[in-house]
């Protein structure tokens, strides 16, 4: 077996393992509900809400314009 083929297979296995581990591990320590965790992850990826380290802290105050901004990103007008 060539060295490059072995390296490619090892890299593929490593990438697959990382993907599995990232799906299984919760993104935030303070969000336990799976649906809420997905929503929190989406909000941080979109840049509409921030996280503080490993905490999302969803119980804080949010201005109305921020709620409308998130809604418009989640459900764009057709």
C-alpha atoms as a PDB file:
ATOM      1  CA  UNK A   1       0.000   0.000   0.000  1.00  0.00           C
ATOM      2  CA  UNK A   2       1.354   3.411  -0.884  1.00  0.00           C
ATOM      3  CA  UNK A   3       2.120   5.907   1.843  1.00  0.00           C
ATOM      4  CA  UNK A   4      -0.237   8.505   0.318  1.00  0.00           C
ATOM      5  CA  UNK A   5      -3.149   6.048   0.267  1.00  0.00           C
ATOM      6  CA  UNK A   6      -2.578   5.171   3.902  1.00  0.00           C
ATOM      7  CA  UNK A   7      -2.348   8.857   4.810  1.00  0.00           C
ATOM      8  CA  UNK A   8      -5.573   9.607   2.945  1.00  0.00           C
ATOM      9  CA  UNK A   9      -7.389   6.780   4.715  1.00  0.00           C
ATOM     10  CA  UNK A  10      -6.139   7.899   8.111  1.00  0.00           C
ATOM     11  CA  UNK A  11      -7.179  11.487   7.416  1.00  0.00           C
ATOM     12  CA  UNK A  12     -10.608  10.329   6.257  1.00  0.00           C
ATOM     13  CA  UNK A  13     -11.050   8.290   9.423  1.00  0.00           C
ATOM     14  CA  UNK A  14      -9.933  11.216  11.569  1.00  0.00           C
ATOM     15  CA  UNK A  15     -12.357  13.610   9.872  1.00  0.00           C
ATOM     16  CA  UNK A  16     -15.207  11.104  10.278  1.00  0.00           C
ATOM     17  CA  UNK A  17     -14.375  10.662  13.960  1.00  0.00           C
ATOM     18  CA  UNK A  18     -14.311  14.421  14.517  1.00  0.00           C
ATOM     19  CA  UNK A  19     -17.695  14.764  12.848  1.00  0.00           C
ATOM     20  CA  UNK A  20     -19.205  12.056  15.043  1.00  0.00           C
ATOM     21  CA  UNK A  21     -17.755  13.530  18.220  1.00  0.00           C
ATOM     22  CA  UNK A  22     -18.938  17.043  17.395  1.00  0.00           C
ATOM     23  CA  UNK A  23     -22.475  15.786  16.746  1.00  0.00           C
ATOM     24  CA  UNK A  24     -22.597  13.831  20.002  1.00  0.00           C
ATOM     25  CA  UNK A  25     -21.111  16.486  22.246  1.00  0.00           C
ATOM     26  CA  UNK A  26     -23.378  19.374  23.295  1.00  0.00           C
ATOM     27  CA  UNK A  27     -22.169  22.766  22.150  1.00  0.00           C
ATOM     28  CA  UNK A  28     -23.157  24.530  25.375  1.00  0.00           C
ATOM     29  CA  UNK A  29     -23.016  23.283  28.954  1.00  0.00           C
ATOM     30  CA  UNK A  30     -26.188  25.121  30.016  1.00  0.00           C
ATOM     31  CA  UNK A  31     -28.436  23.882  27.162  1.00  0.00           C
ATOM     32  CA  UNK A  32     -29.602  20.294  27.695  1.00  0.00           C
ATOM     33  CA  UNK A  33     -32.614  20.024  25.363  1.00  0.00           C
ATOM     34  CA  UNK A  34     -31.471  18.740  21.919  1.00  0.00           C
ATOM     35  CA  UNK A  35     -33.796  21.035  19.946  1.00  0.00           C
ATOM     36  CA  UNK A  36     -32.758  24.065  21.979  1.00  0.00           C
ATOM     37  CA  UNK A  37     -29.104  23.084  21.503  1.00  0.00           C
ATOM     38  CA  UNK A  38     -29.576  23.032  17.710  1.00  0.00           C
ATOM     39  CA  UNK A  39     -31.269  26.425  17.812  1.00  0.00           C
ATOM     40  CA  UNK A  40     -28.558  27.893  20.038  1.00  0.00           C
ATOM     41  CA  UNK A  41     -25.846  26.551  17.743  1.00  0.00           C
ATOM     42  CA  UNK A  42     -27.611  28.032  14.698  1.00  0.00           C
ATOM     43  CA  UNK A  43     -27.964  31.430  16.377  1.00  0.00           C
ATOM     44  CA  UNK A  44     -24.279  31.584  17.244  1.00  0.00           C
ATOM     45  CA  UNK A  45     -23.241  30.425  13.755  1.00  0.00           C
ATOM     46  CA  UNK A  46     -25.409  33.149  12.201  1.00  0.00           C
ATOM     47  CA  UNK A  47     -23.879  35.741  14.503  1.00  0.00           C
ATOM     48  CA  UNK A  48     -27.244  36.841  15.872  1.00  0.00           C
ATOM     49  CA  UNK A  49     -26.533  35.745  19.433  1.00  0.00           C
ATOM     50  CA  UNK A  50     -23.288  35.255  21.246  1.00  0.00           C
ATOM     51  CA  UNK A  51     -22.049  32.622  23.613  1.00  0.00           C
ATOM     52  CA  UNK A  52     -19.824  33.130  26.622  1.00  0.00           C
ATOM     53  CA  UNK A  53     -17.294  30.314  26.446  1.00  0.00           C
ATOM     54  CA  UNK A  54     -19.168  27.037  26.820  1.00  0.00           C
ATOM     55  CA  UNK A  55     -22.348  28.769  28.035  1.00  0.00           C
ATOM     56  CA  UNK A  56     -25.208  30.136  25.934  1.00  0.00           C
ATOM     57  CA  UNK A  57     -27.124  31.782  28.816  1.00  0.00           C
ATOM     58  CA  UNK A  58     -30.519  31.941  27.069  1.00  0.00           C
ATOM     59  CA  UNK A  59     -32.335  33.545  29.995  1.00  0.00           C
ATOM     60  CA  UNK A  60     -30.924  37.026  29.371  1.00  0.00           C
ATOM     61  CA  UNK A  61     -32.682  40.078  27.936  1.00  0.00           C
ATOM     62  CA  UNK A  62     -32.925  40.432  24.126  1.00  0.00           C
ATOM     63  CA  UNK A  63     -34.046  43.584  22.299  1.00  0.00           C
ATOM     64  CA  UNK A  64     -37.083  43.281  19.999  1.00  0.00           C
ATOM     65  CA  UNK A  65     -35.073  44.184  16.898  1.00  0.00           C
ATOM     66  CA  UNK A  66     -32.755  41.227  17.596  1.00  0.00           C
ATOM     67  CA  UNK A  67     -35.733  38.851  17.774  1.00  0.00           C
ATOM     68  CA  UNK A  68     -37.027  40.212  14.446  1.00  0.00           C
ATOM     69  CA  UNK A  69     -33.557  39.873  12.910  1.00  0.00           C
ATOM     70  CA  UNK A  70     -33.315  36.221  13.967  1.00  0.00           C
ATOM     71  CA  UNK A  71     -36.849  35.529  12.714  1.00  0.00           C
ATOM     72  CA  UNK A  72     -36.068  37.060   9.307  1.00  0.00           C
ATOM     73  CA  UNK A  73     -32.908  34.967   8.965  1.00  0.00           C
ATOM     74  CA  UNK A  74     -34.702  31.777   9.969  1.00  0.00           C
ATOM     75  CA  UNK A  75     -37.743  32.401   7.759  1.00  0.00           C
ATOM     76  CA  UNK A  76     -36.730  34.592   4.795  1.00  0.00           C
ATOM     77  CA  UNK A  77     -39.508  36.105   2.693  1.00  0.00           C
ATOM     78  CA  UNK A  78     -40.206  34.127  -0.455  1.00  0.00           C
END
